[in-house]
Amino acid sequence: MWCARFTESQLETLKELIRIQGEVGADLEGALEALDLARWDDLPEAELPWTLVADQAELQGISEADVIWDIAGRRKEDPAPRINPPVKRPAKRGAAGGRRKSTT
């Protein structure tokens, strides 16, 4: 794997060079996509609410890494519907258990 930094004009030139090749196959299409995604690498680093993380870690008696793991795992989706366990019913009497004693 290699890594290179390009200016905006260099990125546009590379993309244009790929496009003028004519029919763009899967490899060149992937290269174009990678060049488009390359801009996202220049985003600033994420910032975490460290005071909140430290407070939660101390409150729960866990490490800050565990708090971050918990924060990262939060979802805004509704929980899955609860599935009720099957109801246990008494066993039916079999043919042998249902016989009556004769009175004669």
Protein backbone atom coordinates (compact mmCIF):
# COMPACT_ATOMS: atom_id res chain seq x y z
CA MET A 1 0.00 0.00 0.00
CA TRP A 2 1.20 3.51 -0.69
CA CYS A 3 0.23 6.94 0.54
CA ALA A 4 0.50 10.28 -1.25
CA ARG A 5 -0.83 13.80 -0.69
CA PHE A 6 -2.12 15.79 -3.63
CA THR A 7 -3.35 19.32 -4.00
CA GLU A 8 -6.88 19.89 -5.25
CA SER A 9 -5.64 20.64 -8.78
CA GLN A 10 -3.44 17.52 -8.77
CA LEU A 11 -6.43 15.39 -7.74
CA GLU A 12 -8.54 16.85 -10.54
CA THR A 13 -5.72 16.26 -13.05
CA LEU A 14 -5.36 12.62 -11.98
CA LYS A 15 -9.10 12.06 -12.27
CA GLU A 16 -9.14 13.65 -15.73
CA LEU A 17 -6.22 11.45 -16.86
CA ILE A 18 -8.18 8.38 -15.78
CA ARG A 19 -11.35 9.56 -17.54
CA ILE A 20 -9.63 10.22 -20.89
CA GLN A 21 -8.48 6.59 -21.02
CA GLY A 22 -11.80 5.78 -22.63
CA GLU A 23 -13.67 2.86 -21.18
CA VAL A 24 -13.00 2.82 -17.46
CA GLY A 25 -12.79 -0.70 -16.07
CA ALA A 26 -13.32 -1.82 -12.50
CA ASP A 27 -9.75 -1.00 -11.44
CA LEU A 28 -9.81 2.54 -12.80
CA GLU A 29 -13.32 3.07 -11.45
CA GLY A 30 -11.98 2.07 -8.03
CA ALA A 31 -9.12 4.53 -8.45
CA LEU A 32 -11.57 7.33 -9.25
CA GLU A 33 -13.61 6.46 -6.19
CA ALA A 34 -10.48 6.40 -4.03
CA LEU A 35 -9.50 9.84 -5.30
CA ASP A 36 -12.95 11.17 -4.41
CA LEU A 37 -12.75 9.63 -0.95
CA ALA A 38 -9.23 10.97 -0.43
CA ARG A 39 -10.68 14.34 0.49
CA TRP A 40 -12.32 12.82 3.56
CA ASP A 41 -8.91 11.99 5.00
CA ASP A 42 -8.30 15.69 5.54
CA LEU A 43 -11.14 16.10 8.04
CA PRO A 44 -10.21 17.29 11.53
CA GLU A 45 -9.84 14.72 14.27
CA ALA A 46 -12.93 13.88 16.28
CA GLU A 47 -13.20 15.42 19.70
CA LEU A 48 -14.63 13.55 22.67
CA PRO A 49 -16.22 15.07 25.76
CA TRP A 50 -13.32 13.96 27.98
CA THR A 51 -14.72 15.44 31.18
CA LEU A 52 -17.95 13.50 30.69
CA VAL A 53 -15.99 10.35 29.80
CA ALA A 54 -13.81 10.64 32.91
CA ASP A 55 -16.82 11.33 35.14
CA GLN A 56 -18.76 8.37 33.77
CA ALA A 57 -15.74 6.08 34.15
CA GLU A 58 -15.29 7.06 37.77
CA LEU A 59 -19.02 6.83 38.51
CA GLN A 60 -19.34 3.36 36.99
CA GLY A 61 -15.97 2.09 38.19
CA ILE A 62 -14.78 1.27 34.66
CA SER A 63 -12.01 2.55 32.40
CA GLU A 64 -12.36 5.53 30.08
CA ALA A 65 -11.92 3.13 27.15
CA ASP A 66 -15.00 1.21 28.30
CA VAL A 67 -17.01 4.43 28.45
CA ILE A 68 -15.93 5.34 24.91
CA TRP A 69 -16.86 1.82 23.77
CA ASP A 70 -20.31 2.31 25.32
CA ILE A 71 -20.72 5.72 23.67
CA ALA A 72 -19.68 4.32 20.27
CA GLY A 73 -22.18 1.46 20.59
CA ARG A 74 -25.21 3.68 21.17
CA ARG A 75 -27.89 3.39 18.57
CA LYS A 76 -30.91 5.51 17.95
CA GLU A 77 -32.88 2.59 16.62
CA ASP A 78 -35.92 1.29 18.43
CA PRO A 79 -35.30 -1.93 20.32
CA ALA A 80 -36.41 -5.14 18.69
CA PRO A 81 -39.90 -6.27 19.70
CA ARG A 82 -39.96 -8.63 22.65
CA ILE A 83 -40.70 -12.24 21.84
CA ASN A 84 -42.72 -14.02 24.51
CA PRO A 85 -41.55 -17.52 25.39
CA PRO A 86 -43.90 -20.35 24.43
CA VAL A 87 -46.50 -21.24 27.04
CA LYS A 88 -45.97 -24.63 28.65
CA ARG A 89 -49.13 -26.67 28.61
CA PRO A 90 -49.79 -29.88 30.50
CA ALA A 91 -49.11 -33.01 28.50
CA LYS A 92 -52.16 -34.75 27.05
CA ARG A 93 -52.97 -38.16 28.37
CA GLY A 94 -51.94 -40.94 26.08
CA ALA A 95 -54.07 -44.00 25.26
CA ALA A 96 -52.60 -46.00 28.16
CA GLY A 97 -53.14 -43.24 30.66
CA GLY A 98 -56.74 -42.67 29.68
CA ARG A 99 -58.05 -46.24 30.27
CA ARG A 100 -60.67 -46.81 32.87
CA LYS A 101 -60.62 -49.70 35.19
CA SER A 102 -63.38 -52.18 34.63
CA THR A 103 -65.90 -52.63 37.41
CA THR A 104 -66.73 -56.26 36.71
